[in-house]
């Protein structure tokens, strides 16, 4: 029964991310973090240490925030961060 409760919460978090224009993590257990962190981030500069596969940077770029984004990691990212022009 507990597994079903966890799965239902996971589905709601996944839907929340998609409905708000965010990218879901390929590990659904990390969607909870994304759903609670990304909406709270405002304009500013960001540094993600250990950023390979940085869904945080990818999602804050979708929010079109103002600021520089940097990621540091020893591996190439699986999820590239693409910034659109912000005026």
PDB file of N, CA and C in Angstrom:
ATOM      1  N   UNK A   1       0.814  -1.185   0.000  1.00  0.00           N
ATOM      2  CA  UNK A   1       0.000   0.000   0.000  1.00  0.00           C
ATOM      3  C   UNK A   1       0.864   1.259   0.000  1.00  0.00           C
ATOM      4  N   UNK A   2       1.941   1.271   0.758  1.00  0.00           N
ATOM      5  CA  UNK A   2       2.837   2.426   0.825  1.00  0.00           C
ATOM      6  C   UNK A   2       3.434   2.733  -0.552  1.00  0.00           C
ATOM      7  N   UNK A   3       3.771   1.718  -1.328  1.00  0.00           N
ATOM      8  CA  UNK A   3       4.333   1.917  -2.667  1.00  0.00           C
ATOM      9  C   UNK A   3       3.338   2.662  -3.544  1.00  0.00           C
ATOM     10  N   UNK A   4       2.066   2.339  -3.463  1.00  0.00           N
ATOM     11  CA  UNK A   4       1.053   3.023  -4.262  1.00  0.00           C
ATOM     12  C   UNK A   4       0.946   4.496  -3.887  1.00  0.00           C
ATOM     13  N   UNK A   5       1.057   4.821  -2.605  1.00  0.00           N
ATOM     14  CA  UNK A   5       1.015   6.211  -2.167  1.00  0.00           C
ATOM     15  C   UNK A   5       2.198   6.987  -2.732  1.00  0.00           C
ATOM     16  N   UNK A   6       3.381   6.390  -2.673  1.00  0.00           N
ATOM     17  CA  UNK A   6       4.583   7.035  -3.198  1.00  0.00           C
ATOM     18  C   UNK A   6       4.451   7.230  -4.707  1.00  0.00           C
ATOM     19  N   UNK A   7       3.959   6.235  -5.406  1.00  0.00           N
ATOM     20  CA  UNK A   7       3.803   6.328  -6.855  1.00  0.00           C
ATOM     21  C   UNK A   7       2.796   7.410  -7.233  1.00  0.00           C
ATOM     22  N   UNK A   8       1.714   7.547  -6.483  1.00  0.00           N
ATOM     23  CA  UNK A   8       0.705   8.570  -6.757  1.00  0.00           C
ATOM     24  C   UNK A   8       1.298   9.964  -6.565  1.00  0.00           C
ATOM     25  N   UNK A   9       2.099  10.147  -5.503  1.00  0.00           N
ATOM     26  CA  UNK A   9       2.754  11.438  -5.282  1.00  0.00           C
ATOM     27  C   UNK A   9       3.719  11.729  -6.413  1.00  0.00           C
ATOM     28  N   UNK A  10       4.444  10.710  -6.877  1.00  0.00           N
ATOM     29  CA  UNK A  10       5.376  10.875  -7.984  1.00  0.00           C
ATOM     30  C   UNK A  10       4.672  11.311  -9.251  1.00  0.00           C
ATOM     31  N   UNK A  11       3.507  10.766  -9.515  1.00  0.00           N
ATOM     32  CA  UNK A  11       2.734  11.150 -10.691  1.00  0.00           C
ATOM     33  C   UNK A  11       2.279  12.597 -10.597  1.00  0.00           C
ATOM     34  N   UNK A  12       1.866  13.035  -9.424  1.00  0.00           N
ATOM     35  CA  UNK A  12       1.425  14.427  -9.242  1.00  0.00           C
ATOM     36  C   UNK A  12       2.587  15.388  -9.442  1.00  0.00           C
ATOM     37  N   UNK A  13       3.753  15.029  -8.939  1.00  0.00           N
ATOM     38  CA  UNK A  13       4.932  15.883  -9.088  1.00  0.00           C
ATOM     39  C   UNK A  13       5.319  15.969 -10.560  1.00  0.00           C
ATOM     40  N   UNK A  14       5.311  14.851 -11.252  1.00  0.00           N
ATOM     41  CA  UNK A  14       5.617  14.806 -12.686  1.00  0.00           C
ATOM     42  C   UNK A  14       4.649  15.702 -13.452  1.00  0.00           C
ATOM     43  N   UNK A  15       3.369  15.597 -13.172  1.00  0.00           N
ATOM     44  CA  UNK A  15       2.355  16.426 -13.838  1.00  0.00           C
ATOM     45  C   UNK A  15       2.566  17.905 -13.528  1.00  0.00           C
ATOM     46  N   UNK A  16       2.909  18.222 -12.281  1.00  0.00           N
ATOM     47  CA  UNK A  16       3.180  19.608 -11.898  1.00  0.00           C
ATOM     48  C   UNK A  16       4.315  20.179 -12.741  1.00  0.00           C
ATOM     49  N   UNK A  17       5.395  19.431 -12.881  1.00  0.00           N
ATOM     50  CA  UNK A  17       6.531  19.908 -13.660  1.00  0.00           C
ATOM     51  C   UNK A  17       6.124  20.174 -15.108  1.00  0.00           C
ATOM     52  N   UNK A  18       5.449  19.225 -15.711  1.00  0.00           N
ATOM     53  CA  UNK A  18       5.053  19.380 -17.115  1.00  0.00           C
ATOM     54  C   UNK A  18       4.064  20.526 -17.303  1.00  0.00           C
ATOM     55  N   UNK A  19       3.097  20.646 -16.413  1.00  0.00           N
ATOM     56  CA  UNK A  19       2.096  21.707 -16.526  1.00  0.00           C
ATOM     57  C   UNK A  19       2.706  23.099 -16.373  1.00  0.00           C
ATOM     58  N   UNK A  20       3.828  23.192 -15.687  1.00  0.00           N
ATOM     59  CA  UNK A  20       4.480  24.482 -15.483  1.00  0.00           C
ATOM     60  C   UNK A  20       5.644  24.710 -16.440  1.00  0.00           C
ATOM     61  N   UNK A  21       5.761  23.863 -17.450  1.00  0.00           N
ATOM     62  CA  UNK A  21       6.767  24.052 -18.490  1.00  0.00           C
ATOM     63  C   UNK A  21       8.166  23.624 -18.115  1.00  0.00           C
ATOM     64  N   UNK A  22       8.288  22.768 -17.099  1.00  0.00           N
ATOM     65  CA  UNK A  22       9.600  22.301 -16.675  1.00  0.00           C
ATOM     66  C   UNK A  22       9.890  20.921 -17.249  1.00  0.00           C
ATOM     67  N   UNK A  23      11.154  20.534 -17.180  1.00  0.00           N
ATOM     68  CA  UNK A  23      11.598  19.229 -17.659  1.00  0.00           C
ATOM     69  C   UNK A  23      11.692  18.275 -16.475  1.00  0.00           C
ATOM     70  N   UNK A  24      11.105  17.115 -16.631  1.00  0.00           N
ATOM     71  CA  UNK A  24      11.168  16.084 -15.600  1.00  0.00           C
ATOM     72  C   UNK A  24      12.538  15.410 -15.638  1.00  0.00           C
ATOM     73  N   UNK A  25      13.008  14.990 -14.484  1.00  0.00           N
ATOM     74  CA  UNK A  25      14.289  14.280 -14.375  1.00  0.00           C
ATOM     75  C   UNK A  25      14.125  12.863 -14.907  1.00  0.00           C
ATOM     76  N   UNK A  26      15.191  12.295 -15.454  1.00  0.00           N
ATOM     77  CA  UNK A  26      15.095  10.908 -15.915  1.00  0.00           C
ATOM     78  C   UNK A  26      15.020   9.923 -14.747  1.00  0.00           C
ATOM     79  N   UNK A  27      15.358  10.367 -13.547  1.00  0.00           N
ATOM     80  CA  UNK A  27      15.133   9.586 -12.328  1.00  0.00           C
ATOM     81  C   UNK A  27      13.957  10.228 -11.607  1.00  0.00           C
ATOM     82  N   UNK A  28      12.799   9.608 -11.665  1.00  0.00           N
ATOM     83  CA  UNK A  28      11.589  10.231 -11.128  1.00  0.00           C
ATOM     84  C   UNK A  28      11.696  10.592  -9.646  1.00  0.00           C
ATOM     85  N   UNK A  29      12.555   9.911  -8.918  1.00  0.00           N
ATOM     86  CA  UNK A  29      12.715  10.235  -7.496  1.00  0.00           C
ATOM     87  C   UNK A  29      13.287  11.638  -7.303  1.00  0.00           C
ATOM     88  N   UNK A  30      13.923  12.202  -8.318  1.00  0.00           N
ATOM     89  CA  UNK A  30      14.492  13.544  -8.213  1.00  0.00           C
ATOM     90  C   UNK A  30      13.514  14.629  -8.653  1.00  0.00           C
ATOM     91  N   UNK A  31      12.377  14.256  -9.218  1.00  0.00           N
ATOM     92  CA  UNK A  31      11.372  15.241  -9.606  1.00  0.00           C
ATOM     93  C   UNK A  31      10.858  16.021  -8.404  1.00  0.00           C
ATOM     94  N   UNK A  32      10.779  15.376  -7.262  1.00  0.00           N
ATOM     95  CA  UNK A  32      10.314  16.040  -6.040  1.00  0.00           C
ATOM     96  C   UNK A  32      11.207  17.247  -5.743  1.00  0.00           C
ATOM     97  N   UNK A  33      12.530  17.064  -5.827  1.00  0.00           N
ATOM     98  CA  UNK A  33      13.468  18.162  -5.599  1.00  0.00           C
ATOM     99  C   UNK A  33      13.241  19.278  -6.610  1.00  0.00           C
ATOM    100  N   UNK A  34      13.128  18.917  -7.885  1.00  0.00           N
ATOM    101  CA  UNK A  34      12.919  19.921  -8.929  1.00  0.00           C
ATOM    102  C   UNK A  34      11.651  20.731  -8.678  1.00  0.00           C
ATOM    103  N   UNK A  35      10.572  20.045  -8.326  1.00  0.00           N
ATOM    104  CA  UNK A  35       9.286  20.712  -8.120  1.00  0.00           C
ATOM    105  C   UNK A  35       9.316  21.675  -6.934  1.00  0.00           C
ATOM    106  N   UNK A  36      10.199  21.444  -5.978  1.00  0.00           N
ATOM    107  CA  UNK A  36      10.270  22.313  -4.804  1.00  0.00           C
ATOM    108  C   UNK A  36      11.354  23.380  -4.910  1.00  0.00           C
ATOM    109  N   UNK A  37      12.359  23.145  -5.723  1.00  0.00           N
ATOM    110  CA  UNK A  37      13.470  24.088  -5.827  1.00  0.00           C
ATOM    111  C   UNK A  37      13.259  25.091  -6.960  1.00  0.00           C
ATOM    112  N   UNK A  38      12.978  24.601  -8.159  1.00  0.00           N
ATOM    113  CA  UNK A  38      12.947  25.455  -9.346  1.00  0.00           C
ATOM    114  C   UNK A  38      11.936  26.595  -9.257  1.00  0.00           C
ATOM    115  N   UNK A  39      10.699  26.372  -8.807  1.00  0.00           N
ATOM    116  CA  UNK A  39       9.756  27.489  -8.748  1.00  0.00           C
ATOM    117  C   UNK A  39      10.181  28.610  -7.792  1.00  0.00           C
ATOM    118  N   UNK A  40      11.033  28.304  -6.827  1.00  0.00           N
ATOM    119  CA  UNK A  40      11.466  29.293  -5.839  1.00  0.00           C
ATOM    120  C   UNK A  40      12.648  30.130  -6.306  1.00  0.00           C
ATOM    121  N   UNK A  41      13.292  29.759  -7.400  1.00  0.00           N
ATOM    122  CA  UNK A  41      14.490  30.449  -7.873  1.00  0.00           C
ATOM    123  C   UNK A  41      14.092  31.682  -8.669  1.00  0.00           C
ATOM    124  N   UNK A  42      14.715  32.809  -8.326  1.00  0.00           N
ATOM    125  CA  UNK A  42      14.488  34.056  -9.048  1.00  0.00           C
ATOM    126  C   UNK A  42      15.748  34.474  -9.781  1.00  0.00           C
ATOM    127  N   UNK A  43      15.759  35.714 -10.249  1.00  0.00           N
ATOM    128  CA  UNK A  43      16.910  36.229 -10.972  1.00  0.00           C
ATOM    129  C   UNK A  43      18.168  36.169 -10.111  1.00  0.00           C
ATOM    130  N   UNK A  44      19.289  35.934 -10.772  1.00  0.00           N
ATOM    131  CA  UNK A  44      20.578  35.872 -10.086  1.00  0.00           C
ATOM    132  C   UNK A  44      21.528  34.965 -10.831  1.00  0.00           C
ATOM    133  N   UNK A  45      22.750  34.928 -10.371  1.00  0.00           N
ATOM    134  CA  UNK A  45      23.757  34.061 -10.963  1.00  0.00           C
ATOM    135  C   UNK A  45      23.740  32.711 -10.258  1.00  0.00           C
ATOM    136  N   UNK A  46      24.002  31.647 -11.025  1.00  0.00           N
ATOM    137  CA  UNK A  46      23.901  30.299 -10.476  1.00  0.00           C
ATOM    138  C   UNK A  46      25.134  29.481 -10.815  1.00  0.00           C
ATOM    139  N   UNK A  47      25.590  28.721  -9.854  1.00  0.00           N
ATOM    140  CA  UNK A  47      26.686  27.782 -10.038  1.00  0.00           C
ATOM    141  C   UNK A  47      26.206  26.431  -9.545  1.00  0.00           C
ATOM    142  N   UNK A  48      26.248  25.442 -10.425  1.00  0.00           N
ATOM    143  CA  UNK A  48      25.871  24.080 -10.052  1.00  0.00           C
ATOM    144  C   UNK A  48      27.130  23.233 -10.076  1.00  0.00           C
ATOM    145  N   UNK A  49      27.577  22.823  -8.909  1.00  0.00           N
ATOM    146  CA  UNK A  49      28.777  21.991  -8.793  1.00  0.00           C
ATOM    147  C   UNK A  49      28.363  20.531  -8.915  1.00  0.00           C
ATOM    148  N   UNK A  50      29.061  19.784  -9.758  1.00  0.00           N
ATOM    149  CA  UNK A  50      28.666  18.407 -10.032  1.00  0.00           C
ATOM    150  C   UNK A  50      27.441  18.421 -10.924  1.00  0.00           C
ATOM    151  N   UNK A  51      27.491  19.252 -11.951  1.00  0.00           N
ATOM    152  CA  UNK A  51      26.290  19.603 -12.710  1.00  0.00           C
ATOM    153  C   UNK A  51      25.966  18.713 -13.893  1.00  0.00           C
ATOM    154  N   UNK A  52      26.741  17.687 -14.163  1.00  0.00           N
ATOM    155  CA  UNK A  52      26.398  16.833 -15.295  1.00  0.00           C
ATOM    156  C   UNK A  52      24.964  16.351 -15.128  1.00  0.00           C
ATOM    157  N   UNK A  53      24.205  16.438 -16.189  1.00  0.00           N
ATOM    158  CA  UNK A  53      22.773  16.128 -16.138  1.00  0.00           C
ATOM    159  C   UNK A  53      22.028  17.110 -15.239  1.00  0.00           C
ATOM    160  N   UNK A  54      22.410  18.388 -15.280  1.00  0.00           N
ATOM    161  CA  UNK A  54      21.805  19.366 -14.391  1.00  0.00           C
ATOM    162  C   UNK A  54      20.411  19.754 -14.845  1.00  0.00           C
ATOM    163  N   UNK A  55      19.453  19.118 -14.258  1.00  0.00           N
ATOM    164  CA  UNK A  55      18.063  19.454 -14.526  1.00  0.00           C
ATOM    165  C   UNK A  55      17.693  20.767 -13.851  1.00  0.00           C
ATOM    166  N   UNK A  56      18.417  21.134 -12.810  1.00  0.00           N
ATOM    167  CA  UNK A  56      18.186  22.429 -12.173  1.00  0.00           C
ATOM    168  C   UNK A  56      18.522  23.540 -13.167  1.00  0.00           C
ATOM    169  N   UNK A  57      19.729  23.501 -13.759  1.00  0.00           N
ATOM    170  CA  UNK A  57      20.110  24.536 -14.722  1.00  0.00           C
ATOM    171  C   UNK A  57      19.193  24.527 -15.936  1.00  0.00           C
ATOM    172  N   UNK A  58      18.845  23.366 -16.412  1.00  0.00           N
ATOM    173  CA  UNK A  58      17.953  23.268 -17.580  1.00  0.00           C
ATOM    174  C   UNK A  58      16.605  23.920 -17.266  1.00  0.00           C
ATOM    175  N   UNK A  59      16.065  23.638 -16.103  1.00  0.00           N
ATOM    176  CA  UNK A  59      14.758  24.178 -15.739  1.00  0.00           C
ATOM    177  C   UNK A  59      14.789  25.669 -15.427  1.00  0.00           C
ATOM    178  N   UNK A  60      15.850  26.161 -14.798  1.00  0.00           N
ATOM    179  CA  UNK A  60      15.878  27.606 -14.556  1.00  0.00           C
ATOM    180  C   UNK A  60      16.111  28.357 -15.860  1.00  0.00           C
ATOM    181  N   UNK A  61      16.734  27.731 -16.845  1.00  0.00           N
ATOM    182  CA  UNK A  61      16.859  28.394 -18.143  1.00  0.00           C
ATOM    183  C   UNK A  61      15.487  28.511 -18.814  1.00  0.00           C
ATOM    184  N   UNK A  62      14.602  27.554 -18.569  1.00  0.00           N
ATOM    185  CA  UNK A  62      13.250  27.617 -19.112  1.00  0.00           C
ATOM    186  C   UNK A  62      12.430  28.726 -18.459  1.00  0.00           C
ATOM    187  N   UNK A  63      12.784  29.100 -17.234  1.00  0.00           N
ATOM    188  CA  UNK A  63      12.077  30.182 -16.535  1.00  0.00           C
ATOM    189  C   UNK A  63      12.464  31.551 -17.074  1.00  0.00           C
ATOM    190  N   UNK A  64      13.473  31.605 -17.927  1.00  0.00           N
ATOM    191  CA  UNK A  64      13.958  32.865 -18.516  1.00  0.00           C
ATOM    192  C   UNK A  64      14.363  33.878 -17.448  1.00  0.00           C
ATOM    193  N   UNK A  65      15.085  33.393 -16.461  1.00  0.00           N
ATOM    194  CA  UNK A  65      15.586  34.276 -15.414  1.00  0.00           C
ATOM    195  C   UNK A  65      16.751  35.102 -15.955  1.00  0.00           C
ATOM    196  N   UNK A  66      17.041  36.193 -15.297  1.00  0.00           N
ATOM    197  CA  UNK A  66      18.179  37.021 -15.650  1.00  0.00           C
ATOM    198  C   UNK A  66      19.346  36.629 -14.758  1.00  0.00           C
ATOM    199  N   UNK A  67      20.465  36.344 -15.363  1.00  0.00           N
ATOM    200  CA  UNK A  67      21.656  35.969 -14.608  1.00  0.00           C
ATOM    201  C   UNK A  67      22.493  34.981 -15.395  1.00  0.00           C
ATOM    202  N   UNK A  68      23.698  34.803 -14.937  1.00  0.00           N
ATOM    203  CA  UNK A  68      24.618  33.854 -15.560  1.00  0.00           C
ATOM    204  C   UNK A  68      24.423  32.478 -14.935  1.00  0.00           C
ATOM    205  N   UNK A  69      24.597  31.441 -15.760  1.00  0.00           N
ATOM    206  CA  UNK A  69      24.498  30.066 -15.253  1.00  0.00           C
ATOM    207  C   UNK A  69      25.808  29.347 -15.576  1.00  0.00           C
ATOM    208  N   UNK A  70      26.341  28.685 -14.563  1.00  0.00           N
ATOM    209  CA  UNK A  70      27.571  27.943 -14.728  1.00  0.00           C
ATOM    210  C   UNK A  70      27.386  26.552 -14.159  1.00  0.00           C
ATOM    211  N   UNK A  71      27.965  25.582 -14.824  1.00  0.00           N
ATOM    212  CA  UNK A  71      27.964  24.222 -14.327  1.00  0.00           C
ATOM    213  C   UNK A  71      29.366  23.665 -14.372  1.00  0.00           C
ATOM    214  N   UNK A  72      29.763  23.014 -13.313  1.00  0.00           N
ATOM    215  CA  UNK A  72      31.096  22.419 -13.233  1.00  0.00           C
ATOM    216  C   UNK A  72      30.941  20.935 -12.979  1.00  0.00           C
ATOM    217  N   UNK A  73      31.561  20.128 -13.845  1.00  0.00           N
ATOM    218  CA  UNK A  73      31.548  18.681 -13.661  1.00  0.00           C
ATOM    219  C   UNK A  73      32.669  18.078 -14.480  1.00  0.00           C
ATOM    220  N   UNK A  74      33.066  16.883 -14.141  1.00  0.00           N
ATOM    221  CA  UNK A  74      34.103  16.185 -14.890  1.00  0.00           C
ATOM    222  C   UNK A  74      33.534  15.417 -16.075  1.00  0.00           C
ATOM    223  N   UNK A  75      32.208  15.227 -16.103  1.00  0.00           N
ATOM    224  CA  UNK A  75      31.561  14.493 -17.191  1.00  0.00           C
ATOM    225  C   UNK A  75      30.822  15.451 -18.114  1.00  0.00           C
ATOM    226  N   UNK A  76      30.630  15.037 -19.363  1.00  0.00           N
ATOM    227  CA  UNK A  76      29.813  15.792 -20.303  1.00  0.00           C
ATOM    228  C   UNK A  76      28.345  15.648 -19.899  1.00  0.00           C
ATOM    229  N   UNK A  77      27.540  16.693 -20.028  1.00  0.00           N
ATOM    230  CA  UNK A  77      26.129  16.597 -19.641  1.00  0.00           C
ATOM    231  C   UNK A  77      25.295  15.793 -20.637  1.00  0.00           C
ATOM    232  N   UNK A  78      24.322  15.073 -20.113  1.00  0.00           N
ATOM    233  CA  UNK A  78      23.347  14.386 -20.964  1.00  0.00           C
ATOM    234  C   UNK A  78      22.223  15.328 -21.350  1.00  0.00           C
ATOM    235  N   UNK A  79      22.032  16.373 -20.555  1.00  0.00           N
ATOM    236  CA  UNK A  79      20.948  17.332 -20.792  1.00  0.00           C
ATOM    237  C   UNK A  79      21.583  18.700 -21.024  1.00  0.00           C
ATOM    238  N   UNK A  80      21.751  19.092 -22.288  1.00  0.00           N
ATOM    239  CA  UNK A  80      22.357  20.398 -22.538  1.00  0.00           C
ATOM    240  C   UNK A  80      21.417  21.527 -22.120  1.00  0.00           C
ATOM    241  N   UNK A  81      21.996  22.614 -21.673  1.00  0.00           N
ATOM    242  CA  UNK A  81      21.229  23.789 -21.292  1.00  0.00           C
ATOM    243  C   UNK A  81      21.246  24.748 -22.471  1.00  0.00           C
ATOM    244  N   UNK A  82      20.086  25.067 -22.979  1.00  0.00           N
ATOM    245  CA  UNK A  82      19.975  25.966 -24.107  1.00  0.00           C
ATOM    246  C   UNK A  82      19.258  27.222 -23.628  1.00  0.00           C
ATOM    247  N   UNK A  83      19.934  28.355 -23.742  1.00  0.00           N
ATOM    248  CA  UNK A  83      19.346  29.627 -23.307  1.00  0.00           C
ATOM    249  C   UNK A  83      18.805  30.344 -24.523  1.00  0.00           C
ATOM    250  N   UNK A  84      17.605  30.854 -24.420  1.00  0.00           N
ATOM    251  CA  UNK A  84      17.084  31.704 -25.476  1.00  0.00           C
ATOM    252  C   UNK A  84      17.482  33.145 -25.160  1.00  0.00           C
ATOM    253  N   UNK A  85      17.450  33.995 -26.153  1.00  0.00           N
ATOM    254  CA  UNK A  85      17.816  35.396 -25.929  1.00  0.00           C
ATOM    255  C   UNK A  85      16.823  36.054 -25.002  1.00  0.00           C
ATOM    256  N   UNK A  86      17.344  36.706 -23.994  1.00  0.00           N
ATOM    257  CA  UNK A  86      16.513  37.413 -23.018  1.00  0.00           C
ATOM    258  C   UNK A  86      16.763  38.898 -23.209  1.00  0.00           C
ATOM    259  N   UNK A  87      15.708  39.636 -23.394  1.00  0.00           N
ATOM    260  CA  UNK A  87      15.892  41.078 -23.590  1.00  0.00           C
ATOM    261  C   UNK A  87      15.661  41.837 -22.312  1.00  0.00           C
TER     262      UNK A  87
END
